[in-house]
C-alpha atoms as a PDB file:
ATOM      1  CA  MET A   1       0.164   0.112   0.034  1.00  0.00           C
ATOM      2  CA  SER A   2       3.096   2.494   0.206  1.00  0.00           C
ATOM      3  CA  ILE A   3       2.911   3.336  -3.401  1.00  0.00           C
ATOM      4  CA  LEU A   4      -0.870   4.580  -2.748  1.00  0.00           C
ATOM      5  CA  ASN A   5       1.285   7.182  -0.125  1.00  0.00           C
ATOM      6  CA  TYR A   6       3.085   8.458  -2.827  1.00  0.00           C
ATOM      7  CA  VAL A   7       0.760   8.739  -5.705  1.00  0.00           C
ATOM      8  CA  SER A   8      -1.971  10.703  -3.027  1.00  0.00           C
ATOM      9  CA  ILE A   9       1.325  13.149  -2.853  1.00  0.00           C
ATOM     10  CA  ILE A  10       1.813  13.557  -6.379  1.00  0.00           C
ATOM     11  CA  LEU A  11      -1.980  13.905  -6.676  1.00  0.00           C
ATOM     12  CA  PHE A  12      -2.304  16.321  -3.594  1.00  0.00           C
ATOM     13  CA  ILE A  13       0.523  18.647  -5.349  1.00  0.00           C
ATOM     14  CA  PHE A  14      -1.017  18.939  -8.382  1.00  0.00           C
ATOM     15  CA  ILE A  15      -4.418  20.019  -7.309  1.00  0.00           C
ATOM     16  CA  GLU A  16      -4.984  23.689  -8.621  1.00  0.00           C
ATOM     17  CA  SER A  17      -8.008  24.497  -6.801  1.00  0.00           C
ATOM     18  CA  SER A  18      -7.150  26.847  -3.622  1.00  0.00           C
ATOM     19  CA  LEU A  19     -10.695  25.795  -2.448  1.00  0.00           C
ATOM     20  CA  LEU A  20      -9.814  21.964  -2.668  1.00  0.00           C
ATOM     21  CA  LYS A  21      -6.449  22.216  -1.648  1.00  0.00           C
ATOM     22  CA  PHE A  22      -7.428  23.652   1.562  1.00  0.00           C
ATOM     23  CA  LEU A  23     -10.211  21.014   1.592  1.00  0.00           C
ATOM     24  CA  LEU A  24      -8.143  18.156   1.426  1.00  0.00           C
ATOM     25  CA  ALA A  25      -5.410  19.845   4.093  1.00  0.00           C
ATOM     26  CA  LEU A  26      -8.580  20.032   6.877  1.00  0.00           C
ATOM     27  CA  ILE A  27      -9.128  16.223   5.978  1.00  0.00           C
ATOM     28  CA  TYR A  28      -5.594  15.413   6.684  1.00  0.00           C
ATOM     29  CA  ILE A  29      -5.943  16.919   9.782  1.00  0.00           C
ATOM     30  CA  LEU A  30      -8.937  15.073  10.590  1.00  0.00           C
ATOM     31  CA  ILE A  31      -7.579  11.828   9.805  1.00  0.00           C
ATOM     32  CA  CYS A  32      -4.678  12.239  11.723  1.00  0.00           C
ATOM     33  CA  LYS A  33      -7.414  13.431  14.493  1.00  0.00           C
ATOM     34  CA  TYR A  34      -9.046  10.356  14.545  1.00  0.00           C
ATOM     35  CA  SER A  35      -5.843   8.513  14.526  1.00  0.00           C
ATOM     36  CA  LYS A  36      -5.322   9.926  18.211  1.00  0.00           C
ATOM     37  CA  MET A  37      -2.467  12.339  17.189  1.00  0.00           C
ATOM     38  CA  ARG A  38      -1.856  15.316  19.075  1.00  0.00           C
ATOM     39  CA  ILE A  39      -3.070  17.934  16.816  1.00  0.00           C
ATOM     40  CA  LYS A  40      -2.451  21.676  17.323  1.00  0.00           C
ATOM     41  CA  ILE A  41      -4.461  24.374  15.799  1.00  0.00           C
ATOM     42  CA  ILE A  42      -3.128  27.414  16.726  1.00  0.00           C
ATOM     43  CA  PRO A  43       0.423  27.028  14.880  1.00  0.00           C
ATOM     44  CA  ASN A  44      -1.443  25.988  11.583  1.00  0.00           C
ATOM     45  CA  ILE A  45      -3.550  28.843  11.389  1.00  0.00           C
ATOM     46  CA  ILE A  46      -0.694  31.148  12.338  1.00  0.00           C
ATOM     47  CA  LEU A  47       1.305  29.445   9.084  1.00  0.00           C
ATOM     48  CA  LEU A  48      -1.842  29.755   6.867  1.00  0.00           C
ATOM     49  CA  PHE A  49      -2.028  33.491   7.645  1.00  0.00           C
ATOM     50  CA  SER A  50       1.653  33.659   7.438  1.00  0.00           C
ATOM     51  CA  VAL A  51       1.648  32.489   4.081  1.00  0.00           C
ATOM     52  CA  ILE A  52      -1.059  34.456   2.993  1.00  0.00           C
ATOM     53  CA  ILE A  53       0.574  37.733   4.121  1.00  0.00           C
ATOM     54  CA  ILE A  54       3.391  37.306   2.557  1.00  0.00           C
ATOM     55  CA  ASN A  55       1.750  36.321  -0.649  1.00  0.00           C
ATOM     56  CA  LEU A  56      -0.447  39.890  -0.284  1.00  0.00           C
ATOM     57  CA  LEU A  57       3.021  41.451   0.126  1.00  0.00           C
ATOM     58  CA  TYR A  58       3.033  40.657  -4.110  1.00  0.00           C
ATOM     59  CA  PRO A  59      -0.297  41.682  -5.056  1.00  0.00           C
ATOM     60  CA  PHE A  60      -1.372  40.167  -9.264  1.00  0.00           C
ATOM     61  CA  GLY A  61      -4.300  40.213 -10.214  1.00  0.00           C
ATOM     62  CA  ARG A  62      -7.979  41.615  -9.632  1.00  0.00           C
ATOM     63  CA  VAL A  63      -7.728  44.277  -7.066  1.00  0.00           C
ATOM     64  CA  LEU A  64     -10.607  43.232  -4.411  1.00  0.00           C
ATOM     65  CA  PHE A  65      -9.966  46.332  -1.869  1.00  0.00           C
ATOM     66  CA  TYR A  66      -7.122  48.576  -0.417  1.00  0.00           C
ATOM     67  CA  LEU A  67      -5.766  48.165   3.064  1.00  0.00           C
ATOM     68  CA  GLY A  68      -3.503  51.555   3.200  1.00  0.00           C
ATOM     69  CA  PRO A  69      -0.643  50.830   0.421  1.00  0.00           C
ATOM     70  CA  LEU A  70      -1.318  47.469   0.109  1.00  0.00           C
ATOM     71  CA  ARG A  71      -3.329  46.624  -2.816  1.00  0.00           C
ATOM     72  CA  ILE A  72      -5.005  42.842  -1.998  1.00  0.00           C
ATOM     73  CA  THR A  73      -5.649  41.479  -4.787  1.00  0.00           C
ATOM     74  CA  LEU A  74      -7.787  38.138  -5.504  1.00  0.00           C
ATOM     75  CA  GLU A  75      -5.288  36.125  -7.154  1.00  0.00           C
ATOM     76  CA  SER A  76      -2.613  36.676  -4.526  1.00  0.00           C
ATOM     77  CA  LEU A  77      -4.863  35.792  -1.789  1.00  0.00           C
ATOM     78  CA  LEU A  78      -5.856  32.523  -3.757  1.00  0.00           C
ATOM     79  CA  SER A  79      -2.218  31.724  -4.315  1.00  0.00           C
ATOM     80  CA  GLY A  80      -1.648  32.316  -0.500  1.00  0.00           C
ATOM     81  CA  ILE A  81      -4.562  30.186   0.492  1.00  0.00           C
ATOM     82  CA  GLN A  82      -2.970  27.349  -1.692  1.00  0.00           C
ATOM     83  CA  LYS A  83       0.334  27.460  -0.922  1.00  0.00           C
ATOM     84  CA  GLY A  84      -0.444  27.651   2.514  1.00  0.00           C
ATOM     85  CA  SER A  85      -2.734  24.634   2.409  1.00  0.00           C
ATOM     86  CA  LEU A  86      -0.070  22.519   0.346  1.00  0.00           C
ATOM     87  CA  LEU A  87       1.974  23.522   3.178  1.00  0.00           C
ATOM     88  CA  ILE A  88       0.031  22.133   6.082  1.00  0.00           C
ATOM     89  CA  GLY A  89      -1.397  19.149   3.564  1.00  0.00           C
ATOM     90  CA  LEU A  90       1.784  17.882   3.366  1.00  0.00           C
ATOM     91  CA  MET A  91       3.057  18.007   6.964  1.00  0.00           C
ATOM     92  CA  TYR A  92       0.522  15.991   7.990  1.00  0.00           C
ATOM     93  CA  LEU A  93       0.254  13.847   4.837  1.00  0.00           C
ATOM     94  CA  SER A  94       4.096  12.705   6.253  1.00  0.00           C
ATOM     95  CA  LYS A  95       1.983  12.455   9.903  1.00  0.00           C
ATOM     96  CA  ASN A  96       0.298   9.854   8.391  1.00  0.00           C
ATOM     97  CA  ILE A  97       2.485   8.697   6.149  1.00  0.00           C
ATOM     98  CA  SER A  98       4.827   8.261   9.451  1.00  0.00           C
ATOM     99  CA  ILE A  99       2.573   5.839  10.773  1.00  0.00           C
ATOM    100  CA  SER A 100       1.851   3.397   7.922  1.00  0.00           C
ATOM    101  CA  SER A 101       3.872   0.855   6.671  1.00  0.00           C
ATOM    102  CA  ILE A 102       6.541   2.429   4.168  1.00  0.00           C
ATOM    103  CA  LYS A 103       7.901  -0.508   2.225  1.00  0.00           C
ATOM    104  CA  ILE A 104      11.159   0.853   0.068  1.00  0.00           C
ATOM    105  CA  PRO A 105      13.891  -1.262  -0.531  1.00  0.00           C
ATOM    106  CA  GLY A 106      17.539  -0.364  -0.103  1.00  0.00           C
ATOM    107  CA  GLU A 107      19.467   1.850   2.409  1.00  0.00           C
ATOM    108  CA  VAL A 108      17.214   4.590   0.506  1.00  0.00           C
ATOM    109  CA  GLY A 109      14.003   3.597   1.739  1.00  0.00           C
ATOM    110  CA  LEU A 110      15.584   2.565   5.236  1.00  0.00           C
ATOM    111  CA  LEU A 111      16.565   6.287   5.533  1.00  0.00           C
ATOM    112  CA  ILE A 112      13.016   7.584   4.166  1.00  0.00           C
ATOM    113  CA  LYS A 113      11.574   5.146   6.686  1.00  0.00           C
ATOM    114  CA  ASP A 114      13.290   6.598   9.968  1.00  0.00           C
ATOM    115  CA  THR A 115      13.037  10.072   8.800  1.00  0.00           C
ATOM    116  CA  PHE A 116       9.139  10.249   8.777  1.00  0.00           C
ATOM    117  CA  TYR A 117       9.157   8.391  12.290  1.00  0.00           C
ATOM    118  CA  TYR A 118      11.519  10.844  13.597  1.00  0.00           C
ATOM    119  CA  PHE A 119       9.649  13.318  12.495  1.00  0.00           C
ATOM    120  CA  ASN A 120       6.752  12.107  13.913  1.00  0.00           C
ATOM    121  CA  GLN A 121       8.219  11.419  17.337  1.00  0.00           C
ATOM    122  CA  PHE A 122       9.977  14.743  17.209  1.00  0.00           C
ATOM    123  CA  THR A 123       6.560  16.642  16.783  1.00  0.00           C
ATOM    124  CA  GLN A 124       5.083  14.485  19.440  1.00  0.00           C
ATOM    125  CA  GLY A 125       5.468  15.335  23.000  1.00  0.00           C
ATOM    126  CA  ASP A 126       5.905  18.163  25.373  1.00  0.00           C
ATOM    127  CA  LYS A 127       5.212  21.696  24.061  1.00  0.00           C
ATOM    128  CA  VAL A 128       9.073  23.930  23.097  1.00  0.00           C
ATOM    129  CA  LYS A 129       8.469  27.204  25.088  1.00  0.00           C
ATOM    130  CA  PHE A 130       9.917  30.154  24.187  1.00  0.00           C
ATOM    131  CA  LYS A 131      11.940  30.331  27.058  1.00  0.00           C
ATOM    132  CA  THR A 132      13.668  27.189  27.134  1.00  0.00           C
ATOM    133  CA  PHE A 133      13.468  27.151  23.876  1.00  0.00           C
ATOM    134  CA  ILE A 134      17.234  25.506  23.240  1.00  0.00           C
ATOM    135  CA  THR A 135      17.097  23.195  26.315  1.00  0.00           C
ATOM    136  CA  ASP A 136      13.295  21.707  25.201  1.00  0.00           C
ATOM    137  CA  ILE A 137      14.815  20.952  21.301  1.00  0.00           C
ATOM    138  CA  ASP A 138      17.974  19.522  22.972  1.00  0.00           C
ATOM    139  CA  ASN A 139      15.993  17.257  25.365  1.00  0.00           C
ATOM    140  CA  LYS A 140      13.633  16.327  22.067  1.00  0.00           C
ATOM    141  CA  LEU A 141      16.583  15.146  20.416  1.00  0.00           C
ATOM    142  CA  LEU A 142      18.559  13.592  23.416  1.00  0.00           C
ATOM    143  CA  ALA A 143      14.902  11.672  23.725  1.00  0.00           C
ATOM    144  CA  LEU A 144      15.286  11.062  19.924  1.00  0.00           C
ATOM    145  CA  SER A 145      18.474   9.460  20.028  1.00  0.00           C
ATOM    146  CA  ASN A 146      17.230   6.589  22.707  1.00  0.00           C
ATOM    147  CA  THR A 147      14.129   5.380  20.562  1.00  0.00           C
ATOM    148  CA  LYS A 148      14.199   3.096  17.665  1.00  0.00           C
ATOM    149  CA  PRO A 149      11.322   2.668  15.040  1.00  0.00           C
ATOM    150  CA  VAL A 150       9.006  -0.303  15.912  1.00  0.00           C
ATOM    151  CA  GLU A 151       5.587  -1.094  14.354  1.00  0.00           C
ATOM    152  CA  SER A 152       3.296  -0.681  17.115  1.00  0.00           C
ATOM    153  CA  GLU A 153      -0.211  -1.071  17.157  1.00  0.00           C
ATOM    154  CA  ILE A 154      -1.123   2.740  16.015  1.00  0.00           C
ATOM    155  CA  ILE A 155       0.759   1.823  12.828  1.00  0.00           C
ATOM    156  CA  ARG A 156      -1.074  -1.576  12.829  1.00  0.00           C
ATOM    157  CA  LYS A 157      -4.063   0.169  13.120  1.00  0.00           C
ATOM    158  CA  ASN A 158      -3.770   3.065  10.929  1.00  0.00           C
ATOM    159  CA  ARG A 159      -2.534   1.402   7.825  1.00  0.00           C
ATOM    160  CA  ASN A 160      -6.449   1.710   6.537  1.00  0.00           C
ATOM    161  CA  ASN A 161      -5.644   5.747   6.823  1.00  0.00           C
ATOM    162  CA  THR A 162      -3.678   5.132   3.584  1.00  0.00           C
ATOM    163  CA  LEU A 163      -6.774   3.885   1.424  1.00  0.00           C
ATOM    164  CA  ILE A 164      -8.829   6.847   3.021  1.00  0.00           C
ATOM    165  CA  ILE A 165      -6.238   9.487   2.229  1.00  0.00           C
ATOM    166  CA  PHE A 166      -5.547   7.905  -1.252  1.00  0.00           C
ATOM    167  CA  SER A 167      -9.057   7.797  -2.315  1.00  0.00           C
ATOM    168  CA  THR A 168     -10.141  11.052  -0.839  1.00  0.00           C
ATOM    169  CA  THR A 169      -7.318  12.454  -2.696  1.00  0.00           C
ATOM    170  CA  LEU A 170      -7.942  10.685  -5.913  1.00  0.00           C
ATOM    171  CA  ILE A 171     -11.842  12.116  -5.678  1.00  0.00           C
ATOM    172  CA  LEU A 172     -10.887  15.979  -4.937  1.00  0.00           C
ATOM    173  CA  PHE A 173      -8.247  15.797  -7.629  1.00  0.00           C
ATOM    174  CA  ILE A 174     -10.592  14.413 -10.269  1.00  0.00           C
ATOM    175  CA  LEU A 175     -13.284  17.469  -9.261  1.00  0.00           C
ATOM    176  CA  ASP A 176     -10.197  19.633  -9.457  1.00  0.00           C
ATOM    177  CA  LEU A 177     -10.015  18.466 -13.384  1.00  0.00           C
ATOM    178  CA  ASN A 178     -13.988  19.628 -13.689  1.00  0.00           C
ATOM    179  CA  PRO A 179     -14.269  22.646 -15.778  1.00  0.00           C
ATOM    180  CA  PHE A 180     -16.465  24.544 -12.987  1.00  0.00           C
ATOM    181  CA  ASN A 181     -13.083  25.330 -10.972  1.00  0.00           C
ATOM    182  CA  PHE A 182     -13.681  25.515  -7.542  1.00  0.00           C
END
């Protein structure tokens, strides 16, 4: 089933509709929540709005309104939503992939599997506080050095997510191909 993970990533990247890409990123977040992963909403919102604001600094297309000297254009707004959704969606796709079974032969496959595993472990656990930023990151990295990737009950349970993710991504990719352009 690991090929479905990669096809899902490729289909997600090539969805052109900002609305569908945003919807799919939300679906990936919900799948992670269903899988009992810890989801932090505020960082996702901050990330999305940061990308949108950065895109608004380079206006192109039809002007919606002016906010002081800044022109707010439809195309730059949609581009920001699309890029922010892509970033968030890929992050949650990688979280889902990290808990599913990845089978790529050879050293490269082992490296990719371990990377996803350590990314998932690093993003779980205690929060990193601003005052103790360096110490918290150091403690997380030290905790990671003592762990090894093992197949757990969570991994076996969440293999079904691969099929759900693939079918949802495929359906929305096909919807994106229609001439109505959401």
